Structures are given as structure tokens and as C-alpha cells.
Amino acid sequence: MNANERKCFIRVYLRSFAAIIFSGLSLTSAQTFEVTPKRVMIDESASIRATGLQPNQRVTIRAELVDGADERWTSEAEFVADGQGRIDTSRHPALAGSYKGVSASGLIWSMMPSSKKASRYQPPRDFGIQIIDFHLMDGKVEISSARLEQASIAEGVQRVIIRYGDLRATLFSPPGKDRRPGVLVLGGSEGGLPSRRAAWLASHGFAALAVAYFRFDDLPKELAGIPLEYFGRALTWMANRPEIAADRIAVMGISRGAELALQLGSMFPRIKPVVAYSPANVRYPACCGFTAVPYAWAWNGNGLAFRPLRPGATQMEMVMKSEIEVERTQGPILLISGDADHVWDSKSMADSIVARLKRHAFVYNVEHLNYAHAGHGAGRPEIVPAWRGAVRNPTSGRDVEVGGTPQGNAESSLDAIGKVIDFLQQSLAAH
């Protein structure tokens, strides 16, 4: 090979080498794996997308988080890239893995705990940010990774701890000096302070008062003989606050708190709309086990009639008197239930509420959102791991199966979140 031939060979070689390098760089730069937006509220979905894959390439996306109890939760699902080498979990189905089908949030709600000790997902402590890591895998090789941050309270939401007389509560209010619609928020038989649901409402523009009524601070230890005048004082306190529009107040409750919300709505004209998750159409007895009095609620020092857990023929009058007079409510009512509720039959009881309102020609709007394959936590306002094992009720000490499948519970949340907010916004709109 002479000198000219060598020079020609070198030029061709260098061009070929450069083309290979350039081609490799282009392929690498074109391949992306991202979660957008990188931070969302706990009730919002994010888009998980990969591009630059080979057409019809089969890959796995894995997800993991560590919850507020330091338990690790994981999921994974297999996808096939489309003809342009793209995967988008909001458009492309998971073919196998923790879930199947199309679900933008499937990799989150289908997570399972790594430890057998974990019975349910626990949120980060003190409204911290939940971090979820996603890994794009080709077999056992990680191609790329991305991260999502979930916030359970919006920036600027203010918290005021309330100790006013015997009232024990926390007010969550949006930033700004405008008077906002108010929501009285009530928990269920677990007792304590329903702070997370109030924070969710405040993040959507409501001034939400999370009220404790037992098993908190110096309040009663049991759900027994709770005086309903206590909630009247809470409503008066709300009406006098500069953050709250006194003529636009709603009540929201879950489980025994939903029973309570419907009862309060029937008694206090200051309450307009009522939102009841997994409701009861009757008053149930004190909870749980041996209590000082058999009734849960009292008014003017007298216990209100309740439905015995095992009513007999001699107790039918008490059963009839225990039904909540929901027709006295001065605003619209939204009921949310799951048809796989294993705690109590919230679907049938919500249907009974609707039927009673129809018999009494109720003039306000009433809506019942019932979800297939959802349990006692139907419609919970957050996109988090939906699996739940037997949960120990902190009041009764008993293990409770809440019912529903992870997918059924998750789908109920994804549908109900926007509907509940829209219901409150429309019902509490200024006229």
C-alpha cells in the first residue's frame, strides 16, 4: 500500500468511526425516561414516559417508595414500546406485573409492601414529601431512572392549632386574606384529628377545620355519649373566624364521622352541603366494646336512639327511632360508598338515605357515588398504594377487613377526587 492509498484508507476509517460515534451519541441523547411534572399534589396523576426505545421493545418499569413507617413498597409492570419507540403509562397498557391495562397511576396504586408486618401505606410524617423512584429496565439492566415527589399539602397553607374552651381542632386555611368557604372535617371510629383530609381541602381553596371529638388530648377516650353541642360550638367558632365565610359552611365525614356529619347536617342550619364517605343512615351504638353508656351521641344531656347491632323484635321501635332525619338538611348531600365494604353495608345505607330523601321531597340535590370493588375507604382523596391488609382499629383493638380490591379502591379515588371538590365548590359558591 503506497502513501496515497494509506491516506485514503485512514480518511475512510476516520469517517466511519466518527459516524459510529455520532450515531451512538444520537441514540443516547434521543432516549429519555421522565416523570412530568416532577412534583404533584397527592391527589394528582403524573405522566410516566419513555422515548427512544426500539419499536416493539419489551421493557419493565419498577417503582419503589419508603413510607412514613419506614416500610418499603414496590411495584413493576411490563410494557411494549409502540412503533415510534415510546411508552406512556397513561396511554399504553401494562401487559403483566403488579397491574394490567391502562392506568397513569397504576405503578403507584398497585404497590405492595416488602414486609409482612405492614398492613397499609402510611403517609410521610408531618406532611413531608413522598418520594417515588422509577426504574426503566431492559431485562436485568437498568436503562434509566426518574423520580416523582408527592406533596400532601399545598404551599402556603396555614395551620392554626385550636384550644378554645373544650374545642380541640386544627384549622387549615389557604394563603390570602379573603374569606373562604369552610368545611368541618370529622374522622371516624379511629378517633384523633382528621388532619390529612382537612389539609387536602385547604389545598383546594377551602378553610377546613379538622375537629377531634374523642381519643385525643383531654377529650373522651371512647366514642360514647359525645355531646352534639360540642360541634355547635365548633360551627360558631368557624362562623366568627376572619378566614371563613360564615354563610358558606359544609361538613365532611368518613364512616362513623359520616354518620355524625349527616346527623349534624340535620340539626344545624348553619351547615349547608354534607359530604359523607361510607355513610350510615342510622345512628349506631357507642364504640367499641364495653363503654360507660350504650349510645354514641347525646343532645341536651340525653342519649340519642341508636340501632342495636343485633336488633330483636322488642327493639324495633328503637331501630325506627335511630334513623337520621336527613331531610332536615339545609343543603345538597353527596354520598360515597363501595359495594365491597366489609365494615358495614355503606352502599345499602346510602341507598336508604336517597330513598328517604325522595319520600320527603327533599328540595336539594342528592348524589350517590357507588364504586364497584371498592371497600370502606372508597373515594379516599389521594393516589397512594391502595392495598390494605387487616387494619387494627385503635379504639376497639380489633382487626378489621375494610374490603375492596387495590384496583377497585384506586379507581374509586381517581374518580371521586374531582367530583368531591366540584361538589363543594358549586355548593359553596358565593351568590
Protein backbone atom coordinates (compact mmCIF):
# COMPACT_ATOMS: atom_id res chain seq x y z
CA MET A 1 0.00 0.00 0.00
CA ASN A 2 1.54 3.30 -1.09
CA ALA A 3 1.32 6.59 0.76
CA ASN A 4 -1.75 7.85 -1.11
CA GLU A 5 -3.59 4.58 -0.51
CA ARG A 6 -2.76 4.72 3.19
CA LYS A 7 -4.06 8.32 3.44
CA CYS A 8 -7.28 7.35 1.66
CA PHE A 9 -7.74 4.34 3.96
CA ILE A 10 -7.22 6.48 7.05
CA ARG A 11 -9.74 9.09 5.86
CA VAL A 12 -12.39 6.43 5.18
CA TYR A 13 -11.69 4.77 8.55
CA LEU A 14 -11.98 8.06 10.44
CA ARG A 15 -15.22 8.95 8.69
CA SER A 16 -16.70 5.54 9.54
CA PHE A 17 -15.54 5.76 13.15
CA ALA A 18 -16.98 9.26 13.50
CA ALA A 19 -20.28 8.08 12.02
CA ILE A 20 -20.48 5.24 14.54
CA ILE A 21 -19.70 7.56 17.46
CA PHE A 22 -22.17 10.17 16.22
CA SER A 23 -24.84 7.53 15.72
CA GLY A 24 -24.32 6.22 19.27
CA LEU A 25 -24.46 9.71 20.73
CA SER A 26 -27.65 10.47 18.82
CA LEU A 27 -29.31 7.27 20.06
CA THR A 28 -28.30 8.01 23.64
CA SER A 29 -29.45 11.61 23.51
CA ALA A 30 -32.76 10.63 21.91
CA GLN A 31 -33.61 8.12 24.64
CA THR A 32 -35.45 9.66 27.58
CA PHE A 33 -37.28 8.44 30.68
CA GLU A 34 -39.14 11.06 32.64
CA VAL A 35 -41.96 11.78 35.05
CA THR A 36 -43.79 15.03 34.42
CA PRO A 37 -44.43 17.10 36.34
CA LYS A 38 -41.70 16.12 38.78
CA ARG A 39 -43.80 17.24 41.76
CA VAL A 40 -47.56 16.85 42.11
CA MET A 41 -50.15 17.06 44.84
CA ILE A 42 -51.06 13.74 46.44
CA ASP A 43 -54.37 13.70 44.52
CA GLU A 44 -52.84 14.39 41.09
CA SER A 45 -51.55 12.00 38.45
CA ALA A 46 -48.18 12.36 36.74
CA SER A 47 -47.13 11.21 33.28
CA ILE A 48 -44.50 8.44 33.16
CA ARG A 49 -42.94 8.26 29.68
CA ALA A 50 -40.01 6.66 27.86
CA THR A 51 -38.88 7.54 24.34
CA GLY A 52 -36.06 6.48 22.06
CA LEU A 53 -36.65 2.75 22.57
CA GLN A 54 -36.66 0.26 19.74
CA PRO A 55 -40.11 -0.28 18.16
CA ASN A 56 -41.89 -3.14 19.97
CA GLN A 57 -39.11 -3.35 22.58
CA ARG A 58 -40.37 -5.03 25.78
CA VAL A 59 -39.24 -3.31 28.97
CA THR A 60 -40.15 -3.24 32.65
CA ILE A 61 -40.79 -0.18 34.80
CA ARG A 62 -40.23 -0.65 38.52
CA ALA A 63 -41.37 1.74 41.25
CA GLU A 64 -40.45 1.98 44.91
CA LEU A 65 -41.03 4.20 47.90
CA VAL A 66 -40.39 4.20 51.64
CA ASP A 67 -43.48 5.29 53.58
CA GLY A 68 -43.90 7.19 56.82
CA ALA A 69 -43.47 4.00 58.85
CA ASP A 70 -40.17 3.28 57.06
CA GLU A 71 -41.75 0.39 55.17
CA ARG A 72 -40.64 -0.25 51.58
CA TRP A 73 -43.32 -0.57 48.88
CA THR A 74 -42.64 -1.75 45.32
CA SER A 75 -44.37 -2.48 42.03
CA GLU A 76 -43.38 -3.35 38.48
CA ALA A 77 -45.11 -3.71 35.14
CA GLU A 78 -44.10 -4.78 31.63
CA PHE A 79 -44.72 -2.62 28.58
CA VAL A 80 -44.08 -2.87 24.84
CA ALA A 81 -42.89 0.27 23.03
CA ASP A 82 -45.06 1.47 20.15
CA GLY A 83 -43.89 1.85 16.53
CA GLN A 84 -42.07 5.08 17.42
CA GLY A 85 -40.27 3.51 20.39
CA ARG A 86 -42.42 5.25 23.01
CA ILE A 87 -44.13 4.20 26.24
CA ASP A 88 -46.63 6.38 28.11
CA THR A 89 -48.37 4.77 31.09
CA SER A 90 -51.42 6.99 30.53
CA ARG A 91 -51.89 5.54 27.01
CA HIS A 92 -50.10 2.21 26.83
CA PRO A 93 -51.31 -0.85 28.78
CA ALA A 94 -49.27 -2.79 31.28
CA LEU A 95 -49.16 -6.34 29.87
CA ALA A 96 -48.03 -8.10 33.04
CA GLY A 97 -46.84 -7.32 36.55
CA SER A 98 -48.42 -5.56 39.51
CA TYR A 99 -51.37 -4.43 37.40
CA LYS A 100 -52.67 -4.82 33.85
CA GLY A 101 -54.31 -2.37 31.46
CA VAL A 102 -54.01 1.39 31.08
CA SER A 103 -53.60 3.44 34.25
CA ALA A 104 -51.42 6.53 34.50
CA SER A 105 -51.03 5.90 38.24
CA GLY A 106 -51.01 2.10 38.15
CA LEU A 107 -47.39 1.82 39.25
CA ILE A 108 -48.29 3.77 42.39
CA TRP A 109 -51.62 2.32 43.49
CA SER A 110 -50.54 -1.28 42.74
CA MET A 111 -47.54 -1.18 45.09
CA MET A 112 -47.21 -3.89 47.72
CA PRO A 113 -45.22 -3.82 50.97
CA SER A 114 -41.94 -5.69 51.19
CA SER A 115 -42.60 -6.59 54.82
CA LYS A 116 -45.41 -8.84 56.01
CA LYS A 117 -45.74 -6.60 59.07
CA ALA A 118 -47.12 -3.70 57.05
CA SER A 119 -50.93 -3.67 56.84
CA ARG A 120 -51.38 -0.40 54.98
CA TYR A 121 -49.46 2.50 53.50
CA GLN A 122 -48.52 5.21 56.00
CA PRO A 123 -48.03 8.80 54.75
CA PRO A 124 -44.85 10.77 55.49
CA ARG A 125 -44.69 12.30 58.93
CA ASP A 126 -45.79 15.91 59.43
CA PHE A 127 -46.93 16.38 55.82
CA GLY A 128 -43.50 15.63 54.40
CA ILE A 129 -42.86 14.99 50.72
CA GLN A 130 -43.40 11.42 49.48
CA ILE A 131 -40.62 10.35 47.08
CA ILE A 132 -41.25 7.63 44.49
CA ASP A 133 -38.38 6.30 42.35
CA PHE A 134 -38.99 4.70 38.95
CA HIS A 135 -36.52 2.46 37.10
CA LEU A 136 -36.68 1.59 33.39
CA MET A 137 -35.32 -1.93 32.94
CA ASP A 138 -34.33 -3.99 29.90
CA GLY A 139 -34.21 -7.43 31.47
CA LYS A 140 -31.93 -7.06 34.49
CA VAL A 141 -30.18 -3.98 33.08
CA GLU A 142 -31.33 -0.56 34.23
CA ILE A 143 -31.64 1.79 31.26
CA SER A 144 -32.65 4.91 33.14
CA SER A 145 -34.41 6.22 36.25
CA ALA A 146 -36.73 9.06 37.25
CA ARG A 147 -38.24 10.45 40.44
CA LEU A 148 -41.64 11.79 41.47
CA GLU A 149 -42.39 13.92 44.51
CA GLN A 150 -45.90 13.94 46.00
CA ALA A 151 -46.96 16.78 48.29
CA SER A 152 -49.89 16.27 50.67
CA ILE A 153 -50.36 19.96 51.46
CA ALA A 154 -50.12 22.92 49.08
CA GLU A 155 -47.51 25.60 49.51
CA GLY A 156 -48.72 28.46 51.66
CA VAL A 157 -51.47 26.59 53.51
CA GLN A 158 -51.56 27.83 57.09
CA ARG A 159 -52.14 25.67 60.17
CA VAL A 160 -53.60 27.04 63.40
CA ILE A 161 -53.92 24.74 66.41
CA ILE A 162 -57.18 25.42 68.25
CA ARG A 163 -57.73 25.08 72.00
CA TYR A 164 -60.86 27.15 72.53
CA GLY A 165 -62.72 26.10 75.65
CA ASP A 166 -63.15 22.35 75.21
CA LEU A 167 -62.73 22.55 71.40
CA ARG A 168 -59.71 20.63 70.11
CA ALA A 169 -59.07 21.19 66.43
CA THR A 170 -56.68 22.43 63.76
CA LEU A 171 -57.64 24.98 61.12
CA PHE A 172 -56.09 24.57 57.68
CA SER A 173 -56.55 27.66 55.51
CA PRO A 174 -55.25 28.72 52.08
CA PRO A 175 -52.95 31.73 51.77
CA GLY A 176 -54.50 35.17 51.39
CA LYS A 177 -56.94 37.32 53.34
CA ASP A 178 -60.16 36.50 51.50
CA ARG A 179 -62.95 34.74 53.36
CA ARG A 180 -63.13 31.15 52.12
CA PRO A 181 -65.87 28.54 52.21
CA GLY A 182 -65.47 26.48 55.37
CA VAL A 183 -65.62 22.72 55.87
CA LEU A 184 -65.99 21.00 59.23
CA VAL A 185 -64.00 17.74 58.88
CA LEU A 186 -64.79 14.69 61.04
CA GLY A 187 -62.91 11.42 61.46
CA GLY A 188 -64.37 8.01 62.29
CA SER A 189 -64.00 5.35 64.95
CA GLU A 190 -60.21 5.68 64.95
CA GLY A 191 -60.61 8.96 66.82
CA GLY A 192 -57.99 11.67 66.84
CA LEU A 193 -57.62 14.58 64.46
CA PRO A 194 -58.52 14.14 60.73
CA SER A 195 -55.74 16.46 59.63
CA ARG A 196 -54.85 14.98 56.24
CA ARG A 197 -58.33 15.33 54.77
CA ALA A 198 -58.52 18.91 56.05
CA ALA A 199 -55.11 19.67 54.50
CA TRP A 200 -56.38 18.26 51.19
CA LEU A 201 -59.39 20.58 51.26
CA ALA A 202 -57.28 23.62 52.19
CA SER A 203 -55.01 22.81 49.25
CA HIS A 204 -58.08 23.25 47.04
CA GLY A 205 -59.12 26.61 48.48
CA PHE A 206 -61.32 25.74 51.46
CA ALA A 207 -60.82 26.74 55.08
CA ALA A 208 -61.04 23.30 56.69
CA LEU A 209 -61.39 22.70 60.41
CA ALA A 210 -60.22 19.23 61.46
CA VAL A 211 -62.13 18.54 64.67
CA ALA A 212 -61.25 15.88 67.24
CA TYR A 213 -64.10 14.62 69.41
CA PHE A 214 -62.61 11.62 71.21
CA ARG A 215 -59.32 9.79 71.69
CA PHE A 216 -57.32 13.00 71.51
CA ASP A 217 -55.63 15.13 74.16
CA ASP A 218 -58.05 15.61 77.10
CA LEU A 219 -61.16 14.57 75.17
CA PRO A 220 -63.13 11.37 75.95
CA LYS A 221 -61.26 8.14 75.36
CA GLU A 222 -64.25 6.39 73.80
CA LEU A 223 -66.84 7.14 71.14
CA ALA A 224 -69.63 7.16 73.70
CA GLY A 225 -72.03 9.84 74.87
CA ILE A 226 -70.43 12.55 72.70
CA PRO A 227 -72.47 15.76 73.21
CA LEU A 228 -73.51 17.20 69.84
CA GLU A 229 -73.45 20.70 71.36
CA TYR A 230 -69.65 20.38 71.06
CA PHE A 231 -69.96 20.59 67.27
CA GLY A 232 -72.35 23.51 67.55
CA ARG A 233 -69.57 25.38 69.35
CA ALA A 234 -67.14 24.39 66.59
CA LEU A 235 -69.54 25.81 63.97
CA THR A 236 -69.93 29.04 65.92
CA TRP A 237 -66.15 29.33 66.17
CA MET A 238 -65.86 28.84 62.41
CA ALA A 239 -68.51 31.48 61.68
CA ASN A 240 -66.57 34.04 63.72
CA ARG A 241 -63.21 33.47 62.03
CA PRO A 242 -61.97 36.06 59.51
CA GLU A 243 -60.76 33.26 57.19
CA ILE A 244 -64.24 31.72 56.81
CA ALA A 245 -67.40 32.87 55.06
CA ALA A 246 -69.99 32.30 57.79
CA ASP A 247 -72.82 31.63 55.34
CA ARG A 248 -70.86 29.01 53.37
CA ILE A 249 -70.03 26.11 55.68
CA ALA A 250 -70.12 22.38 54.84
CA VAL A 251 -69.44 19.23 56.83
CA MET A 252 -67.46 16.17 55.71
CA GLY A 253 -67.03 12.85 57.48
CA ILE A 254 -65.98 9.25 56.91
CA SER A 255 -67.54 6.12 58.43
CA ARG A 256 -68.76 6.99 61.95
CA GLY A 257 -67.76 10.52 61.02
CA ALA A 258 -70.11 10.30 58.02
CA GLU A 259 -72.90 9.16 60.34
CA LEU A 260 -72.06 12.16 62.51
CA ALA A 261 -71.88 14.54 59.52
CA LEU A 262 -75.38 13.54 58.39
CA GLN A 263 -76.68 13.90 61.94
CA LEU A 264 -75.18 17.39 62.31
CA GLY A 265 -76.47 18.43 58.90
CA SER A 266 -79.97 17.51 60.04
CA MET A 267 -79.65 19.62 63.21
CA PHE A 268 -77.62 22.76 62.47
CA PRO A 269 -78.98 25.13 59.77
CA ARG A 270 -75.55 26.77 59.58
CA ILE A 271 -74.35 23.65 57.72
CA LYS A 272 -75.25 23.67 54.03
CA PRO A 273 -73.72 20.80 51.96
CA VAL A 274 -72.86 17.43 53.50
CA VAL A 275 -70.22 15.01 52.16
CA ALA A 276 -70.43 11.51 53.66
CA TYR A 277 -67.86 8.81 52.84
CA SER A 278 -69.02 5.24 53.64
CA PRO A 279 -72.09 6.56 55.45
CA ALA A 280 -74.75 5.11 57.71
CA ASN A 281 -78.43 6.02 57.52
CA VAL A 282 -78.90 5.33 61.23
CA ARG A 283 -77.14 6.15 64.47
CA TYR A 284 -75.11 3.22 65.73
CA PRO A 285 -74.23 2.48 69.38
CA ALA A 286 -71.15 3.57 71.25
CA CYS A 287 -67.84 2.19 70.04
CA CYS A 288 -66.26 -0.13 70.83
CA GLY A 289 -66.77 -2.86 73.42
CA PHE A 290 -67.81 -2.01 76.98
CA THR A 291 -68.50 1.71 77.31
CA ALA A 292 -69.86 3.88 80.10
CA VAL A 293 -73.08 4.49 78.15
CA PRO A 294 -74.52 2.48 75.24
CA TYR A 295 -75.25 5.44 72.94
CA ALA A 296 -72.70 7.26 70.78
CA TRP A 297 -74.34 10.70 70.65
CA ALA A 298 -76.13 12.89 73.18
CA TRP A 299 -78.23 16.05 72.93
CA ASN A 300 -79.39 18.21 75.84
CA GLY A 301 -77.90 15.61 78.16
CA ASN A 302 -79.93 12.75 76.71
CA GLY A 303 -78.63 9.87 74.64
CA LEU A 304 -79.97 9.67 71.10
CA ALA A 305 -81.70 6.47 69.99
CA PHE A 306 -79.42 4.06 68.18
CA ARG A 307 -79.75 0.88 66.17
CA PRO A 308 -78.67 -2.16 68.20
CA LEU A 309 -76.09 -4.28 66.44
CA ARG A 310 -78.37 -7.32 66.80
CA PRO A 311 -81.89 -5.91 66.98
CA GLY A 312 -84.65 -8.18 68.24
CA ALA A 313 -88.41 -7.95 67.94
CA THR A 314 -88.68 -5.93 71.17
CA GLN A 315 -86.21 -3.36 69.90
CA MET A 316 -87.82 -2.48 66.55
CA GLU A 317 -89.11 0.84 67.91
CA MET A 318 -85.54 1.81 68.78
CA VAL A 319 -84.44 0.80 65.28
CA MET A 320 -87.06 3.08 63.74
CA LYS A 321 -86.15 5.98 66.01
CA SER A 322 -82.45 5.59 65.18
CA GLU A 323 -82.83 6.66 61.54
CA ILE A 324 -81.20 10.02 60.84
CA GLU A 325 -83.66 12.70 59.70
CA VAL A 326 -81.54 13.68 56.70
CA GLU A 327 -84.46 15.51 55.09
CA ARG A 328 -83.89 18.36 57.57
CA THR A 329 -80.54 19.18 55.96
CA GLN A 330 -80.35 22.71 54.53
CA GLY A 331 -78.18 21.90 51.52
CA PRO A 332 -77.16 19.26 48.97
CA ILE A 333 -75.80 15.87 50.02
CA LEU A 334 -73.03 13.79 48.43
CA LEU A 335 -72.72 10.12 49.45
CA ILE A 336 -69.72 7.94 48.55
CA SER A 337 -69.69 4.17 49.03
CA GLY A 338 -68.08 0.95 47.85
CA ASP A 339 -70.08 -2.18 47.08
CA ALA A 340 -67.37 -4.34 48.68
CA ASP A 341 -67.41 -2.54 52.05
CA HIS A 342 -66.64 -5.17 54.70
CA VAL A 343 -67.01 -2.86 57.72
CA TRP A 344 -70.69 -2.13 57.15
CA ASP A 345 -73.03 -2.07 54.15
CA SER A 346 -72.48 1.55 53.20
CA LYS A 347 -73.98 1.09 49.73
CA SER A 348 -77.33 -0.13 51.03
CA MET A 349 -77.38 2.52 53.74
CA ALA A 350 -76.59 5.26 51.21
CA ASP A 351 -79.41 3.91 49.03
CA SER A 352 -81.71 4.12 52.07
CA ILE A 353 -80.71 7.75 52.60
CA VAL A 354 -81.56 8.56 48.97
CA ALA A 355 -84.89 6.76 49.27
CA ARG A 356 -85.80 8.64 52.46
CA LEU A 357 -84.97 11.97 50.84
CA LYS A 358 -87.19 11.13 47.89
CA ARG A 359 -90.09 10.20 50.19
CA HIS A 360 -89.76 13.57 51.90
CA ALA A 361 -89.47 15.50 48.60
CA PHE A 362 -86.03 16.81 49.52
CA VAL A 363 -85.55 20.09 47.62
CA TYR A 364 -81.75 20.00 47.38
CA ASN A 365 -79.58 17.89 45.12
CA VAL A 366 -78.51 14.47 46.39
CA GLU A 367 -75.91 12.30 44.67
CA HIS A 368 -74.67 8.82 45.49
CA LEU A 369 -71.31 7.72 44.06
CA ASN A 370 -71.07 3.97 44.44
CA TYR A 371 -67.94 2.15 43.26
CA ALA A 372 -67.57 -1.46 42.21
CA HIS A 373 -64.88 -3.48 44.02
CA ALA A 374 -64.20 -0.63 46.47
CA GLY A 375 -64.25 -1.09 50.23
CA HIS A 376 -64.74 1.06 53.32
CA GLY A 377 -62.11 3.52 52.10
CA ALA A 378 -63.89 4.21 48.81
CA GLY A 379 -63.01 7.56 47.28
CA ARG A 380 -60.10 8.41 49.59
CA PRO A 381 -58.58 11.64 48.24
CA GLU A 382 -55.04 10.50 47.46
CA ILE A 383 -53.08 8.47 44.92
CA VAL A 384 -51.03 6.11 47.07
CA PRO A 385 -50.59 2.32 47.42
CA ALA A 386 -54.15 1.00 47.63
CA TRP A 387 -53.51 -2.45 49.09
CA ARG A 388 -54.66 -2.90 52.67
CA GLY A 389 -54.48 -5.89 54.91
CA ALA A 390 -56.43 -6.32 58.12
CA VAL A 391 -56.22 -3.00 59.97
CA ARG A 392 -56.35 -2.79 63.75
CA ASN A 393 -58.89 -0.25 64.90
CA PRO A 394 -57.02 1.81 67.52
CA THR A 395 -60.20 2.28 69.55
CA SER A 396 -61.54 -1.27 69.65
CA GLY A 397 -58.21 -3.06 69.27
CA ARG A 398 -59.83 -5.44 66.77
CA ASP A 399 -58.52 -6.27 63.30
CA VAL A 400 -60.85 -5.03 60.59
CA GLU A 401 -61.00 -6.06 56.92
CA VAL A 402 -62.05 -2.91 55.09
CA GLY A 403 -62.80 -4.69 51.80
CA GLY A 404 -62.31 -3.90 48.15
CA THR A 405 -59.51 -4.70 45.70
CA PRO A 406 -56.50 -2.41 45.24
CA GLN A 407 -57.67 -1.57 41.73
CA GLY A 408 -61.27 -1.02 42.82
CA ASN A 409 -60.21 1.22 45.69
CA ALA A 410 -57.77 3.15 43.47
CA GLU A 411 -60.31 3.67 40.69
CA SER A 412 -62.84 4.96 43.22
CA SER A 413 -60.30 7.55 44.39
CA LEU A 414 -59.34 8.62 40.88
CA ASP A 415 -62.99 9.21 40.03
CA ALA A 416 -64.20 10.73 43.30
CA ILE A 417 -61.39 13.24 43.93
CA GLY A 418 -62.50 15.73 41.29
CA LYS A 419 -66.21 15.13 41.87
CA VAL A 420 -66.00 15.89 45.60
CA ILE A 421 -64.08 19.12 45.01
CA ASP A 422 -66.50 20.18 42.25
CA PHE A 423 -69.48 19.39 44.50
CA LEU A 424 -68.13 21.56 47.31
CA GLN A 425 -67.12 24.41 45.02
CA GLN A 426 -70.53 24.54 43.38
CA SER A 427 -72.48 24.04 46.61
CA LEU A 428 -70.49 26.70 48.47
CA ALA A 429 -70.18 29.22 45.65
CA ALA A 430 -70.93 32.82 46.55
CA HIS A 431 -74.30 34.02 45.23
